[in-house]
Amino acid sequence: MYQSYFGLNEAPFSIAPDPRYLYMSQRHQEALAHLLYGVDGGGGFVLLTGEVGAGKTTVCRCLLEQIPESCDVAYIFNPKLTVAELLSTICAEFAIPYPADNQSIKIYIDCINTYLLDAHARGRHTVLIIDEAQNLDTAVLEQLRLLTNLETNQRKLLQIILLGQPELAVLLQLPELRQLAQRIIARYHLGPLSRQEVAAYVRHRLEVAGTQRQLFSTALMGRLYRLSGGIPRLINVLCDRALLGAYVQNKERVDRSTLSRAAGEVLQKPPRRSLLWPLLAGLLLSILLAAEFYRTPVQTRVVAPPIPKPAAVIPVALEWPQNVQRQQSKALAFAALFRAWGIEPRVGDECPQAEGLGLRCLTARGGLDELRQINHPAVLQLHDSQGQEFYGTLMRLDDKIATMTLGSTSLVVATIALAEQWSGDYTLLWRVPPVTHKKIRPGERGSDVEWLSRQLAQLYGKPAESNNKLVYEGEMLRQVKQFQLVQGLAPDGSVGAQTMMRLSGAADSTAPKLTRQTGGK
């Protein structure tokens, strides 16, 4: 009912697992990378767990869009089956013939093994995906393990991906399933979104649905995070009900009272209100920042070397230096940006100077996760505690802290505090690739496609093809779509400015980086 009222093309907060709406947080990128690695990993089991509504199924749908053409995939979404029922379902999904009145488990297994051998001889790769796998009986899991026994000298002939709630990981720790647990070649637990990611998630879904309007104020994101716990499905339900409430009340956007009423309806309990909160807000914020900063990450990541801290205490907020005129903040921020690229800036000459040096300015609006993906320093538009505007240069960005240059001063700030002060507007520099067209489309060939092939080869550590008859299709197209998914872009395979910029930056070892993560996936 509210779509036309808010200028939306479709419902932005549907709970259907539409891959177009998947917000690729750092966790979702890592989950997808684990699944993609597992598909190419030579057989065995891949395990993806996560809380209810964390986005496991949606990530898997994205995986299905990136499955190579040489793969045959079966997807079982209701695994509450006996051994015989599961085997017959596998046969049905892969169109494996078996006797109509068969009740013998051995015959099912013989038929499946014959199919796997034939598929391998034809150069096919067989993948079985089982959703809600925490509902599998131990006997069924053991039978799945036995199915993976068929192998060649190089690889197993059946790849099995298990998706499930955290109970699945507990189930696999049982002594009787230790052999299966030893065959898991990749595993990942998909956790909830952070407070910062919740804001980016909401903005992403609204943009996909067709609007750039800020229908939820930045001030509401902390409350939405607390109400939902960072679970995407709960965020969807709360936002959908809140938009409906704003529509009924003829409001231009969702306010605090509308969100609170939506939470009361969705969660079946009124949101808690504490009279002590105004008195304790500063203390609680300090505690939360300290806990977020010193908490040990659950997932092991390759991160840049520790940043030297200019101050002993990480500031809760950024303030413009009193000894520097605020009117100079923008010019000083761009000067710091150019110096990061090894360029001595000229006064009053920002983007035109960059274009003369093979660089280009990108001015856009987004979130910190988007800047992590682009991975170049950026000028940010900020505001202080009194609401006064100033500019700073983001030089480094880790999970919990960021390094900013304000004037000639370098400061370290918690990312959660930076997000509160940042308007979302940024400008950065990127190196222009040697292409002749603004967009590279599937089916094209020529020098632009050769450049694309070289970038992908460098990114994925594979030899590049040097052939002026090279066509942008097949494996190259699949790799581009995979890259776009991981980068949080629409996986349409069309290489436009955003995809070019990120491909160019990922393979450019001389460009300044916000982070120094490695790996192509």
Protein backbone atom coordinates (compact mmCIF):
# COMPACT_ATOMS: atom_id res chain seq x y z
CA MET A 1 0.00 0.00 0.00
CA TYR A 2 2.85 2.41 0.75
CA GLN A 3 4.94 1.83 -2.40
CA SER A 4 3.49 4.61 -4.55
CA TYR A 5 3.25 6.93 -1.52
CA PHE A 6 7.02 6.75 -0.98
CA GLY A 7 7.91 6.48 -4.69
CA LEU A 8 9.07 2.86 -4.53
CA ASN A 9 9.09 0.47 -7.48
CA GLU A 10 8.59 -2.56 -5.22
CA ALA A 11 8.48 -3.55 -1.57
CA PRO A 12 12.01 -2.95 -0.21
CA PHE A 13 11.73 -5.11 2.90
CA SER A 14 10.23 -8.36 1.66
CA ILE A 15 11.54 -11.42 3.53
CA ALA A 16 11.84 -13.38 0.26
CA PRO A 17 15.50 -14.37 -0.40
CA ASP A 18 15.97 -12.15 -3.48
CA PRO A 19 19.72 -11.97 -4.32
CA ARG A 20 19.24 -8.44 -5.71
CA TYR A 21 18.54 -7.20 -2.21
CA LEU A 22 21.45 -8.96 -0.54
CA TYR A 23 23.59 -6.40 1.25
CA MET A 24 27.13 -7.72 1.04
CA SER A 25 28.48 -6.96 4.49
CA GLN A 26 31.98 -8.17 5.34
CA ARG A 27 30.42 -11.27 6.91
CA HIS A 28 28.23 -12.02 3.89
CA GLN A 29 31.20 -11.58 1.56
CA GLU A 30 33.22 -14.06 3.61
CA ALA A 31 30.29 -16.51 3.71
CA LEU A 32 29.92 -16.36 -0.08
CA ALA A 33 33.68 -16.72 -0.55
CA HIS A 34 33.65 -19.86 1.62
CA LEU A 35 30.84 -21.38 -0.46
CA LEU A 36 32.58 -20.50 -3.74
CA TYR A 37 35.81 -22.00 -2.43
CA GLY A 38 33.94 -25.12 -1.41
CA VAL A 39 32.39 -25.57 -4.85
CA ASP A 40 35.87 -25.50 -6.38
CA GLY A 41 37.44 -27.44 -3.51
CA GLY A 42 37.40 -30.93 -4.98
CA GLY A 43 34.52 -32.49 -3.07
CA GLY A 44 33.61 -33.10 0.54
CA PHE A 45 31.42 -30.95 2.78
CA VAL A 46 31.02 -27.19 3.11
CA LEU A 47 29.24 -25.87 6.22
CA LEU A 48 27.46 -22.51 6.56
CA THR A 49 25.68 -21.83 9.85
CA GLY A 50 23.92 -18.74 11.17
CA GLU A 51 21.04 -17.55 13.30
CA VAL A 52 17.49 -17.64 11.97
CA GLY A 53 17.09 -14.79 9.47
CA ALA A 54 20.82 -14.01 9.18
CA GLY A 55 20.76 -14.40 5.38
CA LYS A 56 22.11 -17.93 4.78
CA THR A 57 19.54 -18.81 2.13
CA THR A 58 19.98 -15.50 0.31
CA VAL A 59 23.76 -15.99 0.22
CA CYS A 60 23.15 -19.45 -1.20
CA ARG A 61 20.89 -18.00 -3.92
CA CYS A 62 23.77 -15.69 -4.85
CA LEU A 63 26.02 -18.74 -4.98
CA LEU A 64 23.62 -20.43 -7.40
CA GLU A 65 23.95 -17.43 -9.74
CA GLN A 66 27.73 -17.92 -9.75
CA ILE A 67 27.84 -21.71 -10.16
CA PRO A 68 29.94 -22.60 -13.24
CA GLU A 69 28.08 -23.99 -16.23
CA SER A 70 29.92 -27.28 -15.75
CA CYS A 71 28.13 -27.89 -12.41
CA ASP A 72 24.90 -29.83 -11.88
CA VAL A 73 23.15 -28.62 -8.72
CA ALA A 74 20.39 -30.11 -6.59
CA TYR A 75 18.77 -28.00 -3.84
CA ILE A 76 16.89 -29.71 -1.00
CA PHE A 77 15.09 -27.24 1.28
CA ASN A 78 13.06 -29.69 3.41
CA PRO A 79 15.49 -32.27 4.82
CA LYS A 80 13.15 -33.74 7.45
CA LEU A 81 13.46 -37.08 5.64
CA THR A 82 14.38 -40.69 6.26
CA VAL A 83 17.45 -42.16 4.56
CA ALA A 84 15.33 -43.75 1.82
CA GLU A 85 13.34 -40.52 1.29
CA LEU A 86 16.51 -38.45 1.06
CA LEU A 87 18.11 -40.79 -1.50
CA SER A 88 14.94 -40.82 -3.62
CA THR A 89 14.82 -37.01 -3.43
CA ILE A 90 18.43 -36.79 -4.62
CA CYS A 91 17.58 -39.07 -7.53
CA ALA A 92 14.57 -36.93 -8.40
CA GLU A 93 16.55 -33.67 -8.23
CA PHE A 94 19.32 -34.96 -10.52
CA ALA A 95 16.82 -36.85 -12.75
CA ILE A 96 18.53 -40.14 -11.92
CA PRO A 97 16.37 -43.09 -13.05
CA TYR A 98 15.55 -45.87 -10.55
CA PRO A 99 12.88 -48.64 -10.34
CA ALA A 100 9.46 -47.16 -9.64
CA ASP A 101 8.67 -49.55 -6.78
CA ASN A 102 12.15 -49.49 -5.27
CA GLN A 103 12.48 -49.67 -1.48
CA SER A 104 16.12 -50.74 -1.37
CA ILE A 105 18.69 -48.21 -0.12
CA LYS A 106 21.42 -50.15 -1.96
CA ILE A 107 19.67 -49.68 -5.31
CA TYR A 108 19.33 -45.93 -4.69
CA ILE A 109 23.04 -45.69 -3.86
CA ASP A 110 24.05 -47.78 -6.89
CA CYS A 111 21.99 -45.51 -9.17
CA ILE A 112 23.52 -42.37 -7.63
CA ASN A 113 27.07 -43.74 -7.92
CA THR A 114 26.50 -44.67 -11.57
CA TYR A 115 25.25 -41.17 -12.23
CA LEU A 116 28.27 -39.57 -10.49
CA LEU A 117 30.74 -41.66 -12.48
CA ASP A 118 29.00 -40.81 -15.73
CA ALA A 119 28.88 -37.09 -14.83
CA HIS A 120 32.60 -37.12 -14.03
CA ALA A 121 33.36 -38.81 -17.36
CA ARG A 122 31.44 -36.02 -19.12
CA GLY A 123 33.39 -33.35 -17.25
CA ARG A 124 30.48 -32.43 -15.01
CA HIS A 125 30.75 -31.45 -11.34
CA THR A 126 27.89 -32.50 -9.04
CA VAL A 127 26.84 -30.28 -6.11
CA LEU A 128 24.15 -31.09 -3.54
CA ILE A 129 22.87 -28.21 -1.35
CA ILE A 130 20.79 -28.99 1.74
CA ASP A 131 19.07 -26.11 3.56
CA GLU A 132 17.81 -26.29 7.17
CA ALA A 133 20.32 -29.10 7.67
CA GLN A 134 20.01 -28.91 11.47
CA ASN A 135 16.85 -31.02 10.96
CA LEU A 136 18.81 -33.94 9.50
CA ASP A 137 18.86 -37.13 11.53
CA THR A 138 22.29 -38.54 12.44
CA ALA A 139 21.59 -41.63 10.33
CA VAL A 140 20.87 -39.42 7.32
CA LEU A 141 24.05 -37.42 7.89
CA GLU A 142 26.06 -40.63 8.05
CA GLN A 143 24.51 -41.75 4.75
CA LEU A 144 25.50 -38.43 3.18
CA ARG A 145 29.07 -39.06 4.31
CA LEU A 146 29.01 -42.45 2.65
CA LEU A 147 27.86 -40.85 -0.60
CA THR A 148 31.06 -38.79 -0.66
CA ASN A 149 33.20 -41.95 -0.56
CA LEU A 150 33.11 -42.21 -4.34
CA GLU A 151 36.22 -40.44 -5.62
CA THR A 152 39.01 -40.40 -8.17
CA ASN A 153 42.70 -39.85 -7.46
CA GLN A 154 42.15 -36.10 -7.79
CA ARG A 155 38.76 -35.35 -6.23
CA LYS A 156 35.58 -36.63 -4.69
CA LEU A 157 32.68 -36.86 -7.13
CA LEU A 158 30.01 -35.27 -4.94
CA GLN A 159 30.21 -31.85 -3.26
CA ILE A 160 27.71 -31.33 -0.41
CA ILE A 161 26.88 -27.90 1.04
CA LEU A 162 25.05 -27.87 4.39
CA LEU A 163 23.17 -24.73 5.50
CA GLY A 164 21.74 -24.61 8.99
CA GLN A 165 21.19 -22.92 12.30
CA PRO A 166 23.89 -23.00 15.03
CA GLU A 167 22.44 -26.30 16.29
CA LEU A 168 23.93 -27.94 13.19
CA ALA A 169 27.48 -27.17 14.34
CA VAL A 170 26.63 -28.67 17.74
CA LEU A 171 25.15 -31.76 16.05
CA LEU A 172 28.33 -32.32 14.04
CA GLN A 173 30.35 -32.49 17.25
CA LEU A 174 28.69 -35.78 18.22
CA PRO A 175 31.18 -38.70 18.40
CA GLU A 176 29.21 -40.74 15.86
CA LEU A 177 29.59 -37.93 13.29
CA ARG A 178 33.32 -37.27 13.77
CA GLN A 179 34.16 -38.83 10.39
CA LEU A 180 31.81 -36.42 8.63
CA ALA A 181 33.20 -33.47 10.61
CA GLN A 182 36.70 -34.35 9.39
CA ARG A 183 35.51 -34.05 5.77
CA ILE A 184 34.36 -30.44 6.10
CA ILE A 185 36.76 -28.49 3.87
CA ALA A 186 35.27 -25.04 4.57
CA ARG A 187 33.02 -23.74 7.32
CA TYR A 188 31.68 -20.32 8.28
CA HIS A 189 29.26 -18.92 10.85
CA LEU A 190 27.22 -15.96 9.57
CA GLY A 191 26.66 -13.54 12.44
CA PRO A 192 24.29 -10.53 12.71
CA LEU A 193 24.96 -7.12 11.19
CA SER A 194 26.73 -4.48 13.23
CA ARG A 195 25.03 -1.21 14.13
CA GLN A 196 26.90 0.55 11.34
CA GLU A 197 25.96 -2.16 8.84
CA VAL A 198 22.26 -1.89 9.77
CA ALA A 199 22.17 1.68 8.45
CA ALA A 200 23.93 0.65 5.21
CA TYR A 201 21.60 -2.37 4.90
CA VAL A 202 18.46 -0.23 5.12
CA ARG A 203 19.84 2.31 2.64
CA HIS A 204 20.85 -0.47 0.22
CA ARG A 205 17.40 -2.05 0.15
CA LEU A 206 15.67 1.28 -0.36
CA GLU A 207 18.00 2.10 -3.27
CA VAL A 208 17.33 -1.27 -4.93
CA ALA A 209 13.60 -0.63 -4.52
CA GLY A 210 13.99 2.64 -6.42
CA THR A 211 14.41 5.55 -4.01
CA GLN A 212 17.29 7.68 -2.76
CA ARG A 213 15.12 9.27 -0.06
CA GLN A 214 16.18 8.83 3.54
CA LEU A 215 12.96 7.27 4.81
CA PHE A 216 14.65 6.31 8.08
CA SER A 217 16.74 8.97 9.83
CA THR A 218 20.28 8.19 10.91
CA ALA A 219 19.23 8.79 14.51
CA LEU A 220 16.87 5.76 14.31
CA MET A 221 19.54 3.28 13.26
CA GLY A 222 20.81 2.65 16.77
CA ARG A 223 17.30 1.88 17.97
CA LEU A 224 16.60 -0.35 14.96
CA TYR A 225 19.83 -2.23 15.69
CA ARG A 226 18.85 -2.78 19.33
CA LEU A 227 15.33 -3.92 18.42
CA SER A 228 16.47 -6.34 15.70
CA GLY A 229 19.79 -7.49 17.15
CA GLY A 230 21.24 -6.96 13.65
CA ILE A 231 19.25 -9.89 12.19
CA PRO A 232 18.30 -8.98 8.57
CA ARG A 233 14.92 -10.72 8.64
CA LEU A 234 13.86 -8.85 11.78
CA ILE A 235 15.09 -5.59 10.26
CA ASN A 236 12.91 -6.29 7.21
CA VAL A 237 9.80 -7.00 9.27
CA LEU A 238 10.30 -3.94 11.50
CA CYS A 239 11.02 -1.58 8.57
CA ASP A 240 8.10 -2.87 6.54
CA ARG A 241 5.67 -2.34 9.41
CA ALA A 242 7.19 1.07 10.21
CA LEU A 243 6.79 2.26 6.60
CA LEU A 244 3.20 1.12 6.64
CA GLY A 245 2.68 3.08 9.86
CA ALA A 246 4.26 6.22 8.38
CA TYR A 247 2.00 5.88 5.33
CA VAL A 248 -1.15 5.54 7.46
CA GLN A 249 -0.16 8.65 9.43
CA ASN A 250 0.71 10.64 6.27
CA LYS A 251 4.30 11.14 7.45
CA GLU A 252 7.15 11.79 5.03
CA ARG A 253 9.42 9.30 6.79
CA VAL A 254 9.57 6.99 9.77
CA ASP A 255 10.08 8.67 13.14
CA ARG A 256 10.90 7.27 16.57
CA SER A 257 7.30 6.87 17.72
CA THR A 258 6.32 5.05 14.51
CA LEU A 259 9.24 2.65 14.82
CA SER A 260 8.40 2.01 18.49
CA ARG A 261 4.78 1.22 17.63
CA ALA A 262 5.91 -1.08 14.80
CA ALA A 263 8.22 -2.89 17.23
CA GLY A 264 5.37 -3.36 19.68
CA GLU A 265 3.23 -4.96 16.96
CA VAL A 266 5.97 -7.11 15.41
CA LEU A 267 7.73 -8.22 18.57
CA GLN A 268 4.49 -8.59 20.53
CA LYS A 269 5.84 -6.50 23.39
CA PRO A 270 6.31 -2.78 23.94
CA PRO A 271 9.90 -1.58 23.59
CA ARG A 272 11.60 -0.94 26.90
CA ARG A 273 12.08 2.62 28.08
CA SER A 274 14.58 3.46 30.80
CA LEU A 275 14.25 6.67 32.78
CA LEU A 276 17.93 6.42 33.62
CA TRP A 277 19.03 6.52 29.99
CA PRO A 278 19.38 10.32 29.68
CA LEU A 279 21.63 10.34 32.76
CA LEU A 280 23.71 7.33 31.72
CA ALA A 281 23.92 7.90 27.95
CA GLY A 282 27.49 9.22 28.01
CA LEU A 283 28.72 6.47 30.31
CA LEU A 284 27.01 3.71 28.32
CA LEU A 285 28.37 5.04 25.04
CA SER A 286 31.92 4.98 26.43
CA ILE A 287 31.47 1.42 27.69
CA LEU A 288 30.07 0.24 24.35
CA LEU A 289 32.91 1.85 22.43
CA ALA A 290 35.53 0.28 24.68
CA ALA A 291 33.88 -3.14 24.49
CA GLU A 292 33.58 -2.94 20.69
CA PHE A 293 37.19 -1.87 20.32
CA TYR A 294 38.79 -4.47 22.58
CA ARG A 295 36.52 -7.40 21.72
CA THR A 296 38.39 -10.24 19.95
CA PRO A 297 36.95 -10.84 16.43
CA VAL A 298 35.24 -14.21 15.95
CA GLN A 299 36.56 -14.66 12.43
CA THR A 300 40.27 -14.57 11.61
CA ARG A 301 41.01 -11.89 9.03
CA VAL A 302 44.16 -10.68 7.32
CA VAL A 303 44.47 -7.04 8.39
CA ALA A 304 46.98 -4.28 7.98
CA PRO A 305 49.75 -3.71 10.53
CA PRO A 306 48.66 -1.85 13.69
CA ILE A 307 48.20 1.88 13.25
CA PRO A 308 50.33 4.05 15.55
CA LYS A 309 47.92 5.90 17.83
CA PRO A 310 48.62 9.64 17.83
CA ALA A 311 46.78 9.98 21.14
CA ALA A 312 46.58 7.73 24.18
CA VAL A 313 42.76 7.89 24.23
CA ILE A 314 40.61 7.23 21.17
CA PRO A 315 38.29 10.25 20.86
CA VAL A 316 34.55 9.68 21.04
CA ALA A 317 33.99 12.49 18.52
CA LEU A 318 35.98 14.45 15.95
CA GLU A 319 36.32 18.20 16.41
CA TRP A 320 37.95 20.65 14.01
CA PRO A 321 41.29 21.98 15.39
CA GLN A 322 40.78 25.37 17.03
CA ASN A 323 44.02 26.81 15.67
CA VAL A 324 42.95 26.31 12.02
CA GLN A 325 40.21 28.22 10.22
CA ARG A 326 37.22 25.97 9.55
CA GLN A 327 36.74 27.52 6.10
CA GLN A 328 40.02 25.91 5.04
CA SER A 329 38.92 22.38 5.94
CA LYS A 330 37.85 21.35 2.43
CA ALA A 331 41.01 22.60 0.73
CA LEU A 332 43.21 20.99 3.41
CA ALA A 333 41.30 17.70 3.14
CA PHE A 334 41.84 17.54 -0.63
CA ALA A 335 45.50 18.45 -0.17
CA ALA A 336 45.90 15.45 2.15
CA LEU A 337 44.10 13.24 -0.38
CA PHE A 338 46.42 14.26 -3.22
CA ARG A 339 49.52 13.75 -1.07
CA ALA A 340 48.32 10.22 -0.28
CA TRP A 341 48.59 9.59 -4.05
CA GLY A 342 52.06 11.16 -4.15
CA ILE A 343 50.86 14.37 -5.80
CA GLU A 344 51.72 17.85 -4.57
CA PRO A 345 48.38 19.71 -4.67
CA ARG A 346 47.79 23.12 -6.24
CA VAL A 347 45.55 25.63 -4.51
CA GLY A 348 42.02 25.79 -5.93
CA ASP A 349 42.61 22.95 -8.37
CA GLU A 350 41.02 19.73 -7.17
CA CYS A 351 39.50 17.27 -9.66
CA PRO A 352 40.80 18.93 -12.88
CA GLN A 353 44.36 18.44 -11.61
CA ALA A 354 43.65 14.73 -11.01
CA GLU A 355 42.33 14.20 -14.54
CA GLY A 356 45.56 15.57 -15.97
CA LEU A 357 47.49 12.88 -14.06
CA GLY A 358 45.50 9.86 -15.16
CA LEU A 359 43.20 9.95 -12.11
CA ARG A 360 39.53 10.71 -11.76
CA CYS A 361 37.37 12.03 -8.93
CA LEU A 362 34.39 10.04 -7.70
CA THR A 363 31.89 12.02 -5.63
CA ALA A 364 29.09 9.90 -4.19
CA ARG A 365 27.09 9.03 -1.10
CA GLY A 366 27.45 5.74 0.74
CA GLY A 367 28.68 4.02 3.88
CA LEU A 368 31.94 2.88 5.44
CA ASP A 369 31.47 -0.64 4.05
CA GLU A 370 31.34 0.83 0.54
CA LEU A 371 34.59 2.71 1.19
CA ARG A 372 36.16 -0.52 2.46
CA GLN A 373 35.30 -2.16 -0.85
CA ILE A 374 36.69 0.69 -2.97
CA ASN A 375 39.71 0.78 -0.61
CA HIS A 376 41.09 4.24 -1.42
CA PRO A 377 41.48 7.29 0.88
CA ALA A 378 38.53 9.68 0.72
CA VAL A 379 37.48 13.19 1.69
CA LEU A 380 34.46 13.02 4.02
CA GLN A 381 31.91 15.70 4.82
CA LEU A 382 31.51 15.76 8.62
CA HIS A 383 29.69 17.73 11.31
CA ASP A 384 30.68 18.39 14.91
CA SER A 385 28.59 18.18 18.09
CA GLN A 386 27.13 21.65 17.38
CA GLY A 387 26.15 20.64 13.85
CA GLN A 388 28.84 22.74 12.15
CA GLU A 389 30.22 21.32 8.91
CA PHE A 390 33.85 20.55 8.18
CA TYR A 391 35.89 18.17 5.97
CA GLY A 392 38.45 15.52 6.81
CA THR A 393 40.44 12.86 4.95
CA LEU A 394 39.92 9.19 5.76
CA MET A 395 43.39 7.63 5.50
CA ARG A 396 42.99 4.19 7.11
CA LEU A 397 39.94 2.08 7.95
CA ASP A 398 39.95 -1.07 10.06
CA ASP A 399 37.05 -2.96 11.61
CA LYS A 400 36.87 -0.87 14.78
CA ILE A 401 38.96 2.26 14.21
CA ALA A 402 39.69 4.78 11.49
CA THR A 403 42.55 7.24 10.95
CA MET A 404 41.46 10.73 9.91
CA THR A 405 43.49 13.76 8.85
CA LEU A 406 41.97 17.07 10.01
CA GLY A 407 44.03 19.98 8.76
CA SER A 408 47.59 18.88 9.58
CA THR A 409 46.53 16.69 12.52
CA SER A 410 46.17 12.90 12.37
CA LEU A 411 43.54 11.40 14.70
CA VAL A 412 42.31 7.89 15.44
CA VAL A 413 38.56 7.54 16.02
CA ALA A 414 36.21 4.62 16.62
CA THR A 415 34.30 3.81 13.41
CA ILE A 416 30.98 3.82 15.28
CA ALA A 417 31.64 7.44 16.30
CA LEU A 418 32.82 8.41 12.81
CA ALA A 419 29.61 7.04 11.31
CA GLU A 420 27.58 9.30 13.62
CA GLN A 421 29.38 12.44 12.41
CA TRP A 422 29.63 11.60 8.71
CA SER A 423 26.96 12.85 6.32
CA GLY A 424 27.61 9.93 3.93
CA ASP A 425 29.06 12.21 1.23
CA TYR A 426 32.58 11.42 0.03
CA THR A 427 35.04 12.19 -2.76
CA LEU A 428 37.95 9.95 -3.70
CA LEU A 429 40.48 9.46 -6.49
CA TRP A 430 40.89 6.39 -8.65
CA ARG A 431 43.18 5.51 -11.53
CA VAL A 432 41.52 5.58 -14.95
CA PRO A 433 41.99 2.24 -16.78
CA PRO A 434 43.24 2.19 -20.40
CA VAL A 435 39.84 1.45 -21.96
CA THR A 436 38.14 3.14 -24.89
CA HIS A 437 34.50 2.67 -23.87
CA LYS A 438 32.61 3.64 -20.72
CA LYS A 439 31.09 0.17 -20.41
CA ILE A 440 32.15 -3.36 -21.38
CA ARG A 441 29.19 -5.60 -22.16
CA PRO A 442 28.93 -9.39 -22.49
CA GLY A 443 29.64 -10.57 -26.04
CA GLU A 444 32.12 -7.77 -26.80
CA ARG A 445 35.74 -8.24 -27.86
CA GLY A 446 38.77 -6.03 -28.46
CA SER A 447 41.34 -4.16 -26.37
CA ASP A 448 38.88 -3.38 -23.57
CA VAL A 449 38.13 -7.09 -23.14
CA GLU A 450 41.88 -7.84 -23.11
CA TRP A 451 42.30 -5.31 -20.29
CA LEU A 452 39.44 -6.96 -18.42
CA SER A 453 41.04 -10.37 -18.86
CA ARG A 454 44.35 -9.07 -17.44
CA GLN A 455 42.64 -7.52 -14.42
CA LEU A 456 40.75 -10.72 -13.61
CA ALA A 457 43.86 -12.84 -14.09
CA GLN A 458 45.83 -10.66 -11.67
CA LEU A 459 42.95 -10.62 -9.20
CA TYR A 460 42.45 -14.39 -9.17
CA GLY A 461 46.09 -15.39 -9.69
CA LYS A 462 45.57 -17.03 -13.07
CA PRO A 463 47.36 -16.56 -16.42
CA ALA A 464 45.78 -13.97 -18.70
CA GLU A 465 44.83 -14.73 -22.28
CA SER A 466 46.42 -12.48 -24.89
CA ASN A 467 44.16 -12.70 -27.88
CA ASN A 468 42.50 -9.88 -29.81
CA LYS A 469 39.68 -12.32 -30.65
CA LEU A 470 38.94 -12.86 -26.96
CA VAL A 471 35.18 -12.63 -26.29
CA TYR A 472 33.71 -11.42 -23.01
CA GLU A 473 31.65 -14.49 -22.12
CA GLY A 474 31.82 -17.81 -20.30
CA GLU A 475 34.32 -18.03 -17.44
CA MET A 476 35.29 -14.36 -17.70
CA LEU A 477 31.65 -13.30 -17.37
CA ARG A 478 31.20 -15.62 -14.37
CA GLN A 479 34.26 -14.13 -12.65
CA VAL A 480 32.98 -10.58 -13.19
CA LYS A 481 29.58 -11.46 -11.72
CA GLN A 482 31.28 -13.11 -8.76
CA PHE A 483 33.44 -10.00 -8.24
CA GLN A 484 30.38 -7.74 -8.45
CA LEU A 485 28.54 -9.82 -5.86
CA VAL A 486 31.44 -9.76 -3.42
CA GLN A 487 31.75 -5.99 -3.94
CA GLY A 488 28.05 -5.42 -3.24
CA LEU A 489 27.31 -4.37 -6.85
CA ALA A 490 24.48 -5.61 -9.04
CA PRO A 491 25.80 -8.88 -10.58
CA ASP A 492 24.68 -8.05 -14.13
CA GLY A 493 28.07 -8.71 -15.77
CA SER A 494 28.12 -5.25 -17.34
CA VAL A 495 31.47 -3.57 -16.53
CA GLY A 496 30.58 0.07 -15.94
CA ALA A 497 32.36 2.82 -14.01
CA GLN A 498 31.90 1.28 -10.55
CA THR A 499 33.07 -2.19 -11.61
CA MET A 500 35.99 -0.74 -13.60
CA MET A 501 37.06 1.41 -10.66
CA ARG A 502 37.01 -1.49 -8.20
CA LEU A 503 38.75 -3.90 -10.57
CA SER A 504 41.39 -1.30 -11.32
CA GLY A 505 41.90 -0.53 -7.62
CA ALA A 506 42.04 -4.18 -6.54
CA ALA A 507 44.87 -4.91 -8.99
CA ASP A 508 46.70 -1.58 -8.54
CA SER A 509 49.53 -2.21 -6.07
CA THR A 510 50.80 1.39 -6.32
CA ALA A 511 47.54 3.08 -5.28
CA PRO A 512 47.08 4.15 -1.62
CA LYS A 513 44.80 1.79 0.32
CA LEU A 514 42.53 2.18 3.32
CA THR A 515 43.16 -1.45 4.26
CA ARG A 516 45.68 -3.97 3.03
CA GLN A 517 43.61 -7.12 2.84
CA THR A 518 44.72 -9.85 0.49
CA GLY A 519 42.93 -12.46 -1.54
CA GLY A 520 40.86 -12.37 -4.66
CA LYS A 521 37.61 -13.73 -3.34
